[in-house]
N, C-alpha and C. Protein backbone atom coordinates (compact mmCIF):
# COMPACT_ATOMS: atom_id res chain seq x y z
N MET A 1 101.09 82.55 86.75
CA MET A 1 100.76 83.27 87.65
C MET A 1 101.39 84.61 87.37
N ARG A 2 100.70 85.86 87.16
CA ARG A 2 101.24 87.00 87.09
C ARG A 2 101.77 87.33 88.59
N LYS A 3 102.96 87.52 89.20
CA LYS A 3 103.34 87.89 90.37
C LYS A 3 102.95 89.83 90.78
N LEU A 4 102.01 90.01 91.77
CA LEU A 4 101.82 91.33 92.25
C LEU A 4 103.21 92.19 92.29
N PRO A 5 102.24 92.85 92.16
CA PRO A 5 103.74 94.71 92.56
C PRO A 5 103.80 94.21 93.72
N ASP A 6 104.60 94.26 95.13
CA ASP A 6 105.20 94.21 96.26
C ASP A 6 104.41 96.02 96.86
N ILE A 7 103.18 96.27 97.82
CA ILE A 7 102.45 97.28 97.60
C ILE A 7 103.60 97.56 98.75
N GLY A 8 104.29 96.66 100.06
CA GLY A 8 104.24 97.30 100.70
C GLY A 8 106.17 98.05 100.49
N GLU A 9 107.51 97.58 98.98
CA GLU A 9 108.03 98.05 98.93
C GLU A 9 107.99 98.91 98.41
N ALA A 10 106.27 99.16 97.40
CA ALA A 10 106.07 100.53 96.90
C ALA A 10 105.97 102.03 97.91
N LEU A 11 105.21 101.64 99.05
CA LEU A 11 104.65 102.21 99.94
C LEU A 11 106.05 102.77 100.73
N ALA A 12 106.58 102.34 101.19
CA ALA A 12 108.01 102.48 102.17
C ALA A 12 108.48 103.84 101.88
N PRO A 13 109.52 104.20 100.64
CA PRO A 13 110.22 105.52 100.35
C PRO A 13 108.81 106.85 101.57
N ILE A 14 107.82 106.63 101.10
CA ILE A 14 106.80 107.46 100.98
C ILE A 14 106.72 107.14 102.47
N LEU A 15 105.65 106.47 102.98
CA LEU A 15 105.48 106.34 105.22
C LEU A 15 107.09 106.15 105.25
N GLY A 16 108.13 106.13 104.92
CA GLY A 16 110.10 106.14 105.49
C GLY A 16 109.83 107.31 105.80
N ARG A 17 109.79 108.24 105.01
CA ARG A 17 110.76 109.83 105.43
C ARG A 17 108.87 110.21 106.24
N ALA A 18 107.87 109.71 106.44
CA ALA A 18 107.08 110.85 106.71
C ALA A 18 107.40 110.36 108.33
N PRO A 19 106.57 111.34 108.74
CA PRO A 19 106.81 111.57 110.86
C PRO A 19 105.71 110.45 111.25
N ILE A 20 106.09 109.96 112.30
CA ILE A 20 105.60 108.53 112.36
C ILE A 20 103.29 109.42 112.64
N GLU A 21 104.07 110.32 113.63
CA GLU A 21 102.75 110.93 113.43
C GLU A 21 100.95 111.17 112.75
N GLU A 22 102.13 110.94 111.32
CA GLU A 22 101.48 111.52 110.61
C GLU A 22 101.05 110.26 109.17
N ARG A 23 101.31 109.23 109.52
CA ARG A 23 101.63 107.75 109.17
C ARG A 23 99.99 107.31 108.67
N PRO A 24 99.38 107.70 110.26
CA PRO A 24 97.90 106.87 109.58
C PRO A 24 97.05 107.69 109.58
N LEU A 25 97.19 109.13 109.02
CA LEU A 25 96.59 109.94 107.57
C LEU A 25 97.09 109.15 106.46
N LEU A 26 98.04 109.04 106.64
CA LEU A 26 99.18 109.30 104.92
C LEU A 26 97.84 107.46 104.33
N LEU A 27 98.09 106.83 105.48
CA LEU A 27 97.38 105.18 105.15
C LEU A 27 95.93 105.41 105.58
N ALA A 28 95.42 106.27 105.75
CA ALA A 28 94.33 106.50 105.58
C ALA A 28 93.42 107.39 104.18
N SER A 29 94.20 107.89 103.92
CA SER A 29 94.07 109.01 102.05
C SER A 29 94.50 107.24 101.14
N ALA A 30 95.39 105.97 101.48
CA ALA A 30 95.23 105.00 100.62
C ALA A 30 94.20 104.28 100.75
N GLU A 31 93.59 104.29 101.77
CA GLU A 31 92.12 103.78 101.89
C GLU A 31 91.04 104.34 101.05
N ARG A 32 91.18 105.38 101.36
CA ARG A 32 89.94 105.73 100.59
C ARG A 32 90.13 106.11 99.44
N LEU A 33 91.63 106.41 98.80
CA LEU A 33 91.62 105.97 97.41
C LEU A 33 91.01 104.33 96.95
N GLY A 34 91.94 103.92 97.87
CA GLY A 34 91.14 102.06 97.07
C GLY A 34 89.73 102.26 96.90
N ALA A 35 88.68 102.24 98.21
CA ALA A 35 87.18 102.67 98.25
C ALA A 35 86.65 102.50 97.09
N ALA A 36 87.25 104.25 96.19
CA ALA A 36 86.97 104.87 95.22
C ALA A 36 87.31 103.72 94.22
N THR A 37 88.37 102.92 94.16
CA THR A 37 88.50 102.21 92.94
C THR A 37 88.39 100.89 93.19
N TRP A 38 87.30 100.49 94.72
CA TRP A 38 86.48 99.64 94.22
C TRP A 38 84.94 99.88 93.54
N ARG A 39 84.15 101.05 94.10
CA ARG A 39 83.53 101.38 93.49
C ARG A 39 83.37 101.19 92.14
N SER A 40 84.68 102.13 91.22
CA SER A 40 84.53 102.19 90.03
C SER A 40 84.23 100.96 89.57
N PHE A 41 85.35 99.74 90.04
CA PHE A 41 84.99 98.12 89.47
C PHE A 41 83.39 98.24 89.79
N ALA A 42 82.95 97.37 90.79
CA ALA A 42 81.66 97.30 91.09
C ALA A 42 80.72 98.51 89.85
N ARG A 43 81.32 99.61 89.88
CA ARG A 43 80.29 100.77 88.18
C ARG A 43 80.48 99.92 87.44
N HIS A 44 81.42 99.73 86.70
CA HIS A 44 81.64 98.89 85.26
C HIS A 44 81.86 97.76 85.11
N ASP A 45 81.63 96.55 86.08
CA ASP A 45 81.26 95.20 85.95
C ASP A 45 79.69 94.63 85.97
N ALA A 46 79.46 94.28 84.70
CA ALA A 46 78.23 93.78 84.38
C ALA A 46 77.83 92.52 85.26
N ASP A 47 78.65 91.81 86.65
CA ASP A 47 78.66 90.71 86.97
C ASP A 47 77.88 91.13 88.23
N ALA A 48 76.02 91.77 88.49
CA ALA A 48 75.56 91.69 90.03
C ALA A 48 76.83 90.82 91.36
N LYS A 49 76.60 90.07 91.34
CA LYS A 49 77.22 89.45 92.28
C LYS A 49 78.00 90.03 92.59
N ARG A 50 79.54 89.82 91.41
CA ARG A 50 80.23 90.58 91.69
C ARG A 50 80.47 91.78 92.35
N SER A 51 79.70 93.11 90.94
CA SER A 51 80.03 94.17 91.48
C SER A 51 79.33 94.37 93.16
N GLU A 52 78.55 93.97 93.13
CA GLU A 52 77.97 93.86 95.29
C GLU A 52 78.88 93.14 96.12
N VAL A 53 80.25 93.07 95.66
CA VAL A 53 81.23 92.49 96.31
C VAL A 53 81.98 93.52 95.77
N PHE A 54 81.56 94.43 95.43
CA PHE A 54 83.14 95.50 95.40
C PHE A 54 82.85 96.31 95.78
N ALA A 55 81.42 96.49 96.24
CA ALA A 55 80.84 97.51 96.76
C ALA A 55 80.91 97.54 98.05
N ALA A 56 81.50 95.98 98.88
CA ALA A 56 81.14 96.09 100.09
C ALA A 56 82.86 95.77 100.14
N CYS A 57 83.77 95.86 99.23
CA CYS A 57 85.37 96.23 99.33
C CYS A 57 85.26 97.79 99.66
N ALA A 58 84.44 98.44 98.73
CA ALA A 58 84.76 99.84 99.13
C ALA A 58 84.10 100.11 100.64
N LEU A 59 83.36 99.35 101.80
CA LEU A 59 82.49 99.89 102.69
C LEU A 59 84.20 99.45 103.65
N LEU A 60 84.44 98.33 103.42
CA LEU A 60 85.38 98.09 104.21
C LEU A 60 86.87 98.86 104.23
N GLU A 61 86.60 99.61 102.73
CA GLU A 61 87.67 100.40 102.72
C GLU A 61 87.15 101.94 103.60
N GLU A 62 86.65 102.49 103.49
CA GLU A 62 86.55 103.37 104.30
C GLU A 62 85.99 103.38 105.84
N GLU A 63 85.83 102.38 106.20
CA GLU A 63 85.85 102.13 107.50
C GLU A 63 87.32 101.96 107.88
N SER A 64 87.89 101.25 107.65
CA SER A 64 88.99 101.17 107.81
C SER A 64 90.24 102.54 107.91
N ALA A 65 89.45 103.45 107.23
CA ALA A 65 89.98 104.76 106.56
C ALA A 65 89.72 105.89 108.25
N ALA A 66 88.18 105.68 108.29
CA ALA A 66 87.67 106.11 109.36
C ALA A 66 88.12 106.02 110.98
N PHE A 67 89.04 105.13 111.10
CA PHE A 67 89.65 104.01 112.33
C PHE A 67 90.52 105.19 112.36
N LEU A 68 91.35 104.92 111.01
CA LEU A 68 92.95 105.67 110.71
C LEU A 68 92.23 107.10 110.95
N GLU A 69 91.48 107.45 110.65
CA GLU A 69 91.84 109.60 111.78
C GLU A 69 91.38 108.87 112.45
N SER A 70 90.63 108.58 112.70
CA SER A 70 89.33 108.59 114.48
C SER A 70 91.10 109.12 115.16
N LEU A 71 91.86 108.29 114.77
CA LEU A 71 93.26 108.19 115.16
C LEU A 71 94.46 109.11 115.88
N ASP A 72 93.71 109.54 114.47
CA ASP A 72 94.91 111.08 114.65
C ASP A 72 93.72 112.79 115.37
N ALA A 73 92.81 112.53 115.48
CA ALA A 73 91.87 112.78 115.89
C ALA A 73 91.47 112.91 117.47
N ALA A 74 92.27 111.59 117.50
CA ALA A 74 91.86 111.52 119.52
C ALA A 74 93.29 112.23 119.36
N ARG A 75 94.43 112.45 119.27
CA ARG A 75 95.71 113.14 119.28
C ARG A 75 95.43 114.68 119.89
């Protein structure tokens, strides 16, 4: 099986340079990119059941992004 890249390693330089108060918004942006990616998978997958799961994953990403953004709004 192929080894997946370490996302923590990839994000560490970006998050590490950002002020702590900006990190939730950076993560929210990543979540929204994830949602768009899941939606793309859903649109292009011929298997209806898998497409439905991908669409559900997009909703989870958006909920996570909204929560992270609410942390910033509460400041």
